[in-house]
Amino acid sequence: MEEPSIYERYCVNAYDRIVSFCQLRLVMDRYNTIYRELGKLSPRAPEFDLEYDGK
């Protein structure tokens, strides 16, 4: 990249997209709920805030 500022902007945009698109915490929270139900364990409070909008 000839322009470091453009490269930096691409990196920030890519990171923001991954964070908002993948939502790994939500996926892991759902897996935890499923496995706790299958193992007949008591549910625990979710770590993922469903009200969080990514800002």
PDB file of N, CA and C in Angstrom:
ATOM      1  N   MET A   1       0.837  -1.175   0.000  1.00  0.00           N
ATOM      2  CA  MET A   1       0.000   0.000   0.000  1.00  0.00           C
ATOM      3  C   MET A   1       0.888   1.246   0.000  1.00  0.00           C
ATOM      4  N   GLU A   2       0.594   2.127  -0.900  1.00  0.00           N
ATOM      5  CA  GLU A   2       1.361   3.364  -0.962  1.00  0.00           C
ATOM      6  C   GLU A   2       0.920   4.350   0.111  1.00  0.00           C
ATOM      7  N   GLU A   3      -0.334   4.300   0.489  1.00  0.00           N
ATOM      8  CA  GLU A   3      -0.874   5.232   1.479  1.00  0.00           C
ATOM      9  C   GLU A   3      -1.115   4.511   2.801  1.00  0.00           C
ATOM     10  N   PRO A   4      -0.300   4.715   3.796  1.00  0.00           N
ATOM     11  CA  PRO A   4      -0.504   4.063   5.093  1.00  0.00           C
ATOM     12  C   PRO A   4      -1.864   4.385   5.716  1.00  0.00           C
ATOM     13  N   SER A   5      -2.376   5.576   5.493  1.00  0.00           N
ATOM     14  CA  SER A   5      -3.665   5.955   6.086  1.00  0.00           C
ATOM     15  C   SER A   5      -4.810   5.125   5.492  1.00  0.00           C
ATOM     16  N   ILE A   6      -4.733   4.812   4.214  1.00  0.00           N
ATOM     17  CA  ILE A   6      -5.760   3.969   3.590  1.00  0.00           C
ATOM     18  C   ILE A   6      -5.668   2.553   4.140  1.00  0.00           C
ATOM     19  N   TYR A   7      -4.443   2.044   4.271  1.00  0.00           N
ATOM     20  CA  TYR A   7      -4.237   0.705   4.838  1.00  0.00           C
ATOM     21  C   TYR A   7      -4.792   0.636   6.258  1.00  0.00           C
ATOM     22  N   GLU A   8      -4.528   1.675   7.050  1.00  0.00           N
ATOM     23  CA  GLU A   8      -5.034   1.717   8.422  1.00  0.00           C
ATOM     24  C   GLU A   8      -6.559   1.714   8.432  1.00  0.00           C
ATOM     25  N   ARG A   9      -7.154   2.483   7.557  1.00  0.00           N
ATOM     26  CA  ARG A   9      -8.622   2.535   7.479  1.00  0.00           C
ATOM     27  C   ARG A   9      -9.189   1.177   7.081  1.00  0.00           C
ATOM     28  N   TYR A  10      -8.563   0.494   6.131  1.00  0.00           N
ATOM     29  CA  TYR A  10      -8.998  -0.852   5.748  1.00  0.00           C
ATOM     30  C   TYR A  10      -8.938  -1.815   6.931  1.00  0.00           C
ATOM     31  N   CYS A  11      -7.851  -1.726   7.705  1.00  0.00           N
ATOM     32  CA  CYS A  11      -7.701  -2.609   8.866  1.00  0.00           C
ATOM     33  C   CYS A  11      -8.793  -2.368   9.896  1.00  0.00           C
ATOM     34  N   VAL A  12      -9.056  -1.126  10.200  1.00  0.00           N
ATOM     35  CA  VAL A  12     -10.094  -0.792  11.182  1.00  0.00           C
ATOM     36  C   VAL A  12     -11.452  -1.258  10.689  1.00  0.00           C
ATOM     37  N   ASN A  13     -11.751  -1.011   9.431  1.00  0.00           N
ATOM     38  CA  ASN A  13     -13.038  -1.433   8.871  1.00  0.00           C
ATOM     39  C   ASN A  13     -13.177  -2.953   8.877  1.00  0.00           C
ATOM     40  N   ALA A  14     -12.100  -3.656   8.549  1.00  0.00           N
ATOM     41  CA  ALA A  14     -12.142  -5.124   8.539  1.00  0.00           C
ATOM     42  C   ALA A  14     -12.373  -5.657   9.943  1.00  0.00           C
ATOM     43  N   TYR A  15     -11.681  -5.088  10.922  1.00  0.00           N
ATOM     44  CA  TYR A  15     -11.849  -5.529  12.306  1.00  0.00           C
ATOM     45  C   TYR A  15     -13.288  -5.299  12.768  1.00  0.00           C
ATOM     46  N   ASP A  16     -13.822  -4.121  12.513  1.00  0.00           N
ATOM     47  CA  ASP A  16     -15.205  -3.822  12.910  1.00  0.00           C
ATOM     48  C   ASP A  16     -16.188  -4.781  12.256  1.00  0.00           C
ATOM     49  N   ARG A  17     -15.940  -5.109  11.006  1.00  0.00           N
ATOM     50  CA  ARG A  17     -16.839  -6.036  10.300  1.00  0.00           C
ATOM     51  C   ARG A  17     -16.795  -7.432  10.925  1.00  0.00           C
ATOM     52  N   ILE A  18     -15.607  -7.904  11.231  1.00  0.00           N
ATOM     53  CA  ILE A  18     -15.464  -9.229  11.846  1.00  0.00           C
ATOM     54  C   ILE A  18     -16.145  -9.263  13.210  1.00  0.00           C
ATOM     55  N   VAL A  19     -15.917  -8.244  14.016  1.00  0.00           N
ATOM     56  CA  VAL A  19     -16.509  -8.201  15.354  1.00  0.00           C
ATOM     57  C   VAL A  19     -18.026  -8.213  15.263  1.00  0.00           C
ATOM     58  N   SER A  20     -18.594  -7.423  14.378  1.00  0.00           N
ATOM     59  CA  SER A  20     -20.055  -7.361  14.294  1.00  0.00           C
ATOM     60  C   SER A  20     -20.647  -8.557  13.557  1.00  0.00           C
ATOM     61  N   PHE A  21     -19.917  -9.148  12.628  1.00  0.00           N
ATOM     62  CA  PHE A  21     -20.455 -10.244  11.830  1.00  0.00           C
ATOM     63  C   PHE A  21     -20.372 -11.583  12.557  1.00  0.00           C
ATOM     64  N   CYS A  22     -19.257 -11.865  13.149  1.00  0.00           N
ATOM     65  CA  CYS A  22     -19.034 -13.192  13.736  1.00  0.00           C
ATOM     66  C   CYS A  22     -19.704 -13.389  15.087  1.00  0.00           C
ATOM     67  N   GLN A  23     -19.621 -12.407  15.953  1.00  0.00           N
ATOM     68  CA  GLN A  23     -20.239 -12.487  17.268  1.00  0.00           C
ATOM     69  C   GLN A  23     -19.928 -13.814  17.955  1.00  0.00           C
ATOM     70  N   LEU A  24     -18.662 -14.112  18.092  1.00  0.00           N
ATOM     71  CA  LEU A  24     -18.209 -15.364  18.680  1.00  0.00           C
ATOM     72  C   LEU A  24     -18.773 -15.579  20.081  1.00  0.00           C
ATOM     73  N   ARG A  25     -18.857 -14.509  20.853  1.00  0.00           N
ATOM     74  CA  ARG A  25     -19.383 -14.656  22.210  1.00  0.00           C
ATOM     75  C   ARG A  25     -20.816 -15.163  22.192  1.00  0.00           C
ATOM     76  N   LEU A  26     -21.624 -14.678  21.269  1.00  0.00           N
ATOM     77  CA  LEU A  26     -23.010 -15.130  21.171  1.00  0.00           C
ATOM     78  C   LEU A  26     -23.070 -16.611  20.811  1.00  0.00           C
ATOM     79  N   VAL A  27     -22.269 -17.031  19.858  1.00  0.00           N
ATOM     80  CA  VAL A  27     -22.238 -18.432  19.441  1.00  0.00           C
ATOM     81  C   VAL A  27     -21.825 -19.322  20.611  1.00  0.00           C
ATOM     82  N   MET A  28     -20.775 -18.943  21.317  1.00  0.00           N
ATOM     83  CA  MET A  28     -20.298 -19.743  22.440  1.00  0.00           C
ATOM     84  C   MET A  28     -21.330 -19.790  23.565  1.00  0.00           C
ATOM     85  N   ASP A  29     -22.030 -18.695  23.781  1.00  0.00           N
ATOM     86  CA  ASP A  29     -23.078 -18.658  24.801  1.00  0.00           C
ATOM     87  C   ASP A  29     -24.212 -19.623  24.451  1.00  0.00           C
ATOM     88  N   ARG A  30     -24.569 -19.673  23.184  1.00  0.00           N
ATOM     89  CA  ARG A  30     -25.637 -20.584  22.758  1.00  0.00           C
ATOM     90  C   ARG A  30     -25.207 -22.048  22.878  1.00  0.00           C
ATOM     91  N   TYR A  31     -23.960 -22.341  22.513  1.00  0.00           N
ATOM     92  CA  TYR A  31     -23.445 -23.704  22.690  1.00  0.00           C
ATOM     93  C   TYR A  31     -23.476 -24.092  24.161  1.00  0.00           C
ATOM     94  N   ASN A  32     -23.065 -23.182  25.019  1.00  0.00           N
ATOM     95  CA  ASN A  32     -23.053 -23.462  26.448  1.00  0.00           C
ATOM     96  C   ASN A  32     -24.459 -23.790  26.941  1.00  0.00           C
ATOM     97  N   THR A  33     -25.436 -23.036  26.488  1.00  0.00           N
ATOM     98  CA  THR A  33     -26.827 -23.284  26.888  1.00  0.00           C
ATOM     99  C   THR A  33     -27.278 -24.671  26.442  1.00  0.00           C
ATOM    100  N   ILE A  34     -26.986 -25.029  25.208  1.00  0.00           N
ATOM    101  CA  ILE A  34     -27.386 -26.342  24.673  1.00  0.00           C
ATOM    102  C   ILE A  34     -26.749 -27.463  25.483  1.00  0.00           C
ATOM    103  N   TYR A  35     -25.441 -27.375  25.716  1.00  0.00           N
ATOM    104  CA  TYR A  35     -24.756 -28.448  26.447  1.00  0.00           C
ATOM    105  C   TYR A  35     -25.204 -28.532  27.901  1.00  0.00           C
ATOM    106  N   ARG A  36     -25.521 -27.399  28.515  1.00  0.00           N
ATOM    107  CA  ARG A  36     -26.015 -27.438  29.886  1.00  0.00           C
ATOM    108  C   ARG A  36     -27.393 -28.097  29.930  1.00  0.00           C
ATOM    109  N   GLU A  37     -28.227 -27.824  28.928  1.00  0.00           N
ATOM    110  CA  GLU A  37     -29.539 -28.470  28.872  1.00  0.00           C
ATOM    111  C   GLU A  37     -29.394 -29.976  28.664  1.00  0.00           C
ATOM    112  N   LEU A  38     -28.509 -30.373  27.762  1.00  0.00           N
ATOM    113  CA  LEU A  38     -28.300 -31.800  27.500  1.00  0.00           C
ATOM    114  C   LEU A  38     -27.728 -32.519  28.725  1.00  0.00           C
ATOM    115  N   GLY A  39     -26.882 -31.837  29.490  1.00  0.00           N
ATOM    116  CA  GLY A  39     -26.289 -32.423  30.676  1.00  0.00           C
ATOM    117  C   GLY A  39     -27.143 -32.243  31.916  1.00  0.00           C
ATOM    118  N   LYS A  40     -28.330 -31.680  31.730  1.00  0.00           N
ATOM    119  CA  LYS A  40     -29.258 -31.446  32.833  1.00  0.00           C
ATOM    120  C   LYS A  40     -28.632 -30.607  33.948  1.00  0.00           C
ATOM    121  N   LEU A  41     -27.839 -29.613  33.536  1.00  0.00           N
ATOM    122  CA  LEU A  41     -27.230 -28.683  34.485  1.00  0.00           C
ATOM    123  C   LEU A  41     -28.072 -27.415  34.554  1.00  0.00           C
ATOM    124  N   SER A  42     -27.962 -26.717  35.659  1.00  0.00           N
ATOM    125  CA  SER A  42     -28.730 -25.473  35.783  1.00  0.00           C
ATOM    126  C   SER A  42     -28.164 -24.425  34.819  1.00  0.00           C
ATOM    127  N   PRO A  43     -29.034 -23.597  34.284  1.00  0.00           N
ATOM    128  CA  PRO A  43     -28.548 -22.560  33.356  1.00  0.00           C
ATOM    129  C   PRO A  43     -27.737 -21.518  34.110  1.00  0.00           C
ATOM    130  N   ARG A  44     -26.865 -20.850  33.391  1.00  0.00           N
ATOM    131  CA  ARG A  44     -26.103 -19.759  33.990  1.00  0.00           C
ATOM    132  C   ARG A  44     -26.405 -18.485  33.223  1.00  0.00           C
ATOM    133  N   ALA A  45     -26.072 -17.379  33.813  1.00  0.00           N
ATOM    134  CA  ALA A  45     -26.328 -16.090  33.166  1.00  0.00           C
ATOM    135  C   ALA A  45     -25.512 -15.987  31.886  1.00  0.00           C
ATOM    136  N   PRO A  46     -26.120 -15.508  30.809  1.00  0.00           N
ATOM    137  CA  PRO A  46     -25.371 -15.375  29.547  1.00  0.00           C
ATOM    138  C   PRO A  46     -24.280 -14.318  29.667  1.00  0.00           C
ATOM    139  N   GLU A  47     -23.160 -14.572  28.999  1.00  0.00           N
ATOM    140  CA  GLU A  47     -22.073 -13.590  28.967  1.00  0.00           C
ATOM    141  C   GLU A  47     -22.306 -12.569  27.872  1.00  0.00           C
ATOM    142  N   PHE A  48     -23.124 -12.916  26.906  1.00  0.00           N
ATOM    143  CA  PHE A  48     -23.366 -12.029  25.775  1.00  0.00           C
ATOM    144  C   PHE A  48     -24.562 -11.146  26.078  1.00  0.00           C
ATOM    145  N   ASP A  49     -24.405  -9.864  25.904  1.00  0.00           N
ATOM    146  CA  ASP A  49     -25.481  -8.911  26.141  1.00  0.00           C
ATOM    147  C   ASP A  49     -26.286  -8.758  24.857  1.00  0.00           C
ATOM    148  N   LEU A  50     -27.514  -9.226  24.869  1.00  0.00           N
ATOM    149  CA  LEU A  50     -28.345  -9.184  23.663  1.00  0.00           C
ATOM    150  C   LEU A  50     -28.703  -7.757  23.276  1.00  0.00           C
ATOM    151  N   GLU A  51     -28.577  -6.817  24.196  1.00  0.00           N
ATOM    152  CA  GLU A  51     -28.886  -5.425  23.913  1.00  0.00           C
ATOM    153  C   GLU A  51     -27.700  -4.672  23.321  1.00  0.00           C
ATOM    154  N   TYR A  52     -26.502  -5.285  23.348  1.00  0.00           N
ATOM    155  CA  TYR A  52     -25.299  -4.631  22.846  1.00  0.00           C
ATOM    156  C   TYR A  52     -25.401  -4.432  21.340  1.00  0.00           C
ATOM    157  N   ASP A  53     -25.154  -3.207  20.882  1.00  0.00           N
ATOM    158  CA  ASP A  53     -25.306  -2.909  19.454  1.00  0.00           C
ATOM    159  C   ASP A  53     -23.978  -2.756  18.720  1.00  0.00           C
ATOM    160  N   GLY A  54     -22.871  -3.083  19.387  1.00  0.00           N
ATOM    161  CA  GLY A  54     -21.578  -3.037  18.724  1.00  0.00           C
ATOM    162  C   GLY A  54     -20.872  -1.700  18.815  1.00  0.00           C
ATOM    163  N   LYS A  55     -21.424  -0.750  19.544  1.00  0.00           N
ATOM    164  CA  LYS A  55     -20.801   0.578  19.654  1.00  0.00           C
ATOM    165  C   LYS A  55     -20.070   0.709  20.957  1.00  0.00           C
TER     166      LYS A  55
END
